[in-house]
Amino acid sequence: MPESEVEITGGYTSDLLSDVMAHCPEGVILVSVQNHKNTVAVSTLVCAPAVLIVHNRPIPDDMLESARQEGVALLRSAEDQYTVSCRLGKLFPPEG
């Protein structure tokens, strides 16, 4: 796979960044309302290649710059976390 392509394997929803650090699996889209550069730093730490910001919250310039530097995709949705998480769950059903 070219370096610019990443395989997404699921999603993880949390606004508590310490929870994300402790429990978020690699390769997922992180769903959150936390629209700041620390979210990008945490997603990099846990190897989550994308962050989806909900409630149509703006993406600040420093968050965008941090994501560019770290190679993290930033996405945004007008929907709430529950709705987005349910949609991701249909795309990536839990194993087991």
C-alpha atoms as a PDB file:
ATOM      1  CA  MET A   1       0.000   0.000   0.000  1.00  0.00           C
ATOM      2  CA  PRO A   2       1.465   3.435  -0.860  1.00  0.00           C
ATOM      3  CA  GLU A   3       2.506   5.522   2.137  1.00  0.00           C
ATOM      4  CA  SER A   4      -0.412   7.916   1.621  1.00  0.00           C
ATOM      5  CA  GLU A   5      -2.922   5.063   1.859  1.00  0.00           C
ATOM      6  CA  VAL A   6      -3.972   3.650   5.210  1.00  0.00           C
ATOM      7  CA  GLU A   7      -6.307   0.788   5.979  1.00  0.00           C
ATOM      8  CA  ILE A   8      -8.983   1.697   8.521  1.00  0.00           C
ATOM      9  CA  THR A   9     -10.016  -1.255  10.658  1.00  0.00           C
ATOM     10  CA  GLY A  10     -12.736   0.266  12.843  1.00  0.00           C
ATOM     11  CA  GLY A  11     -13.601   3.155  15.085  1.00  0.00           C
ATOM     12  CA  TYR A  12     -13.167   4.257  18.678  1.00  0.00           C
ATOM     13  CA  THR A  13     -15.319   6.922  20.333  1.00  0.00           C
ATOM     14  CA  SER A  14     -14.163   8.887  23.354  1.00  0.00           C
ATOM     15  CA  ASP A  15     -13.687  12.451  24.538  1.00  0.00           C
ATOM     16  CA  LEU A  16     -11.395  11.490  27.383  1.00  0.00           C
ATOM     17  CA  LEU A  17      -7.915  11.439  25.887  1.00  0.00           C
ATOM     18  CA  SER A  18      -6.497   9.329  28.726  1.00  0.00           C
ATOM     19  CA  ASP A  19      -9.140   6.704  27.846  1.00  0.00           C
ATOM     20  CA  VAL A  20      -8.052   6.855  24.219  1.00  0.00           C
ATOM     21  CA  MET A  21      -4.419   6.340  25.246  1.00  0.00           C
ATOM     22  CA  ALA A  22      -5.350   3.330  27.374  1.00  0.00           C
ATOM     23  CA  HIS A  23      -7.869   1.586  25.121  1.00  0.00           C
ATOM     24  CA  CYS A  24      -7.909   2.778  21.506  1.00  0.00           C
ATOM     25  CA  PRO A  25      -6.740   0.091  19.078  1.00  0.00           C
ATOM     26  CA  GLU A  26      -4.405   0.822  16.179  1.00  0.00           C
ATOM     27  CA  GLY A  27      -5.769   1.569  12.723  1.00  0.00           C
ATOM     28  CA  VAL A  28      -9.109   3.081  13.712  1.00  0.00           C
ATOM     29  CA  ILE A  29     -10.911   6.365  13.245  1.00  0.00           C
ATOM     30  CA  LEU A  30     -11.026   8.249  16.534  1.00  0.00           C
ATOM     31  CA  VAL A  31     -14.442   9.904  16.990  1.00  0.00           C
ATOM     32  CA  SER A  32     -14.462  12.862  19.368  1.00  0.00           C
ATOM     33  CA  VAL A  33     -15.626  16.403  20.100  1.00  0.00           C
ATOM     34  CA  GLN A  34     -12.093  17.291  21.211  1.00  0.00           C
ATOM     35  CA  ASN A  35     -11.045  19.695  18.467  1.00  0.00           C
ATOM     36  CA  HIS A  36      -7.500  20.613  19.482  1.00  0.00           C
ATOM     37  CA  LYS A  37      -3.976  19.565  18.664  1.00  0.00           C
ATOM     38  CA  ASN A  38      -3.688  17.289  21.712  1.00  0.00           C
ATOM     39  CA  THR A  39      -6.233  15.006  20.041  1.00  0.00           C
ATOM     40  CA  VAL A  40      -3.877  14.698  17.077  1.00  0.00           C
ATOM     41  CA  ALA A  41      -0.959  13.951  19.403  1.00  0.00           C
ATOM     42  CA  VAL A  42      -2.926  11.195  21.134  1.00  0.00           C
ATOM     43  CA  SER A  43      -4.123   9.714  17.839  1.00  0.00           C
ATOM     44  CA  THR A  44      -0.488   9.555  16.726  1.00  0.00           C
ATOM     45  CA  LEU A  45       0.499   7.888  20.002  1.00  0.00           C
ATOM     46  CA  VAL A  46      -2.101   5.123  19.561  1.00  0.00           C
ATOM     47  CA  CYS A  47      -1.605   4.834  15.768  1.00  0.00           C
ATOM     48  CA  ALA A  48      -5.113   6.002  14.881  1.00  0.00           C
ATOM     49  CA  PRO A  49      -4.660   7.392  11.363  1.00  0.00           C
ATOM     50  CA  ALA A  50      -7.804   9.554  11.381  1.00  0.00           C
ATOM     51  CA  VAL A  51      -9.768  11.767  13.757  1.00  0.00           C
ATOM     52  CA  LEU A  52     -13.429  12.511  13.100  1.00  0.00           C
ATOM     53  CA  ILE A  53     -14.695  15.620  14.879  1.00  0.00           C
ATOM     54  CA  VAL A  54     -18.475  15.593  15.435  1.00  0.00           C
ATOM     55  CA  HIS A  55     -21.182  18.242  15.909  1.00  0.00           C
ATOM     56  CA  ASN A  56     -19.647  20.175  13.018  1.00  0.00           C
ATOM     57  CA  ARG A  57     -17.140  21.710  15.420  1.00  0.00           C
ATOM     58  CA  PRO A  58     -14.502  23.805  13.681  1.00  0.00           C
ATOM     59  CA  ILE A  59     -10.998  22.503  13.144  1.00  0.00           C
ATOM     60  CA  PRO A  60      -8.570  25.110  14.504  1.00  0.00           C
ATOM     61  CA  ASP A  61      -5.511  26.040  12.460  1.00  0.00           C
ATOM     62  CA  ASP A  62      -3.065  24.612  15.014  1.00  0.00           C
ATOM     63  CA  MET A  63      -4.911  21.274  14.974  1.00  0.00           C
ATOM     64  CA  LEU A  64      -4.846  21.225  11.179  1.00  0.00           C
ATOM     65  CA  GLU A  65      -1.128  22.006  11.108  1.00  0.00           C
ATOM     66  CA  SER A  66      -0.378  19.335  13.694  1.00  0.00           C
ATOM     67  CA  ALA A  67      -2.382  16.768  11.690  1.00  0.00           C
ATOM     68  CA  ARG A  68      -0.487  17.672   8.508  1.00  0.00           C
ATOM     69  CA  GLN A  69       2.851  17.264  10.267  1.00  0.00           C
ATOM     70  CA  GLU A  70       1.856  13.916  11.786  1.00  0.00           C
ATOM     71  CA  GLY A  71       0.051  12.509   8.735  1.00  0.00           C
ATOM     72  CA  VAL A  72      -3.299  12.223  10.526  1.00  0.00           C
ATOM     73  CA  ALA A  73      -6.464  12.659   8.474  1.00  0.00           C
ATOM     74  CA  LEU A  74      -8.980  15.085   9.970  1.00  0.00           C
ATOM     75  CA  LEU A  75     -12.648  14.510   9.218  1.00  0.00           C
ATOM     76  CA  ARG A  76     -15.714  16.382  10.382  1.00  0.00           C
ATOM     77  CA  SER A  77     -19.398  15.510  10.658  1.00  0.00           C
ATOM     78  CA  ALA A  78     -22.476  17.510  11.599  1.00  0.00           C
ATOM     79  CA  GLU A  79     -23.839  14.366  13.289  1.00  0.00           C
ATOM     80  CA  ASP A  80     -23.370  13.473  16.955  1.00  0.00           C
ATOM     81  CA  GLN A  81     -21.014  10.834  18.317  1.00  0.00           C
ATOM     82  CA  TYR A  82     -23.683   8.187  18.744  1.00  0.00           C
ATOM     83  CA  THR A  83     -24.901   8.460  15.154  1.00  0.00           C
ATOM     84  CA  VAL A  84     -21.382   8.462  13.730  1.00  0.00           C
ATOM     85  CA  SER A  85     -20.375   5.533  15.929  1.00  0.00           C
ATOM     86  CA  CYS A  86     -23.406   3.507  14.833  1.00  0.00           C
ATOM     87  CA  ARG A  87     -22.533   4.152  11.192  1.00  0.00           C
ATOM     88  CA  LEU A  88     -18.934   3.084  11.769  1.00  0.00           C
ATOM     89  CA  GLY A  89     -20.193  -0.018  13.574  1.00  0.00           C
ATOM     90  CA  LYS A  90     -22.145  -1.027  10.464  1.00  0.00           C
ATOM     91  CA  LEU A  91     -19.037  -0.571   8.307  1.00  0.00           C
ATOM     92  CA  PHE A  92     -16.766  -2.353  10.767  1.00  0.00           C
ATOM     93  CA  PRO A  93     -18.838  -4.822  12.827  1.00  0.00           C
ATOM     94  CA  PRO A  94     -17.158  -5.967  16.051  1.00  0.00           C
ATOM     95  CA  GLU A  95     -15.526  -9.371  15.868  1.00  0.00           C
ATOM     96  CA  GLY A  96     -16.684 -12.135  18.073  1.00  0.00           C
END
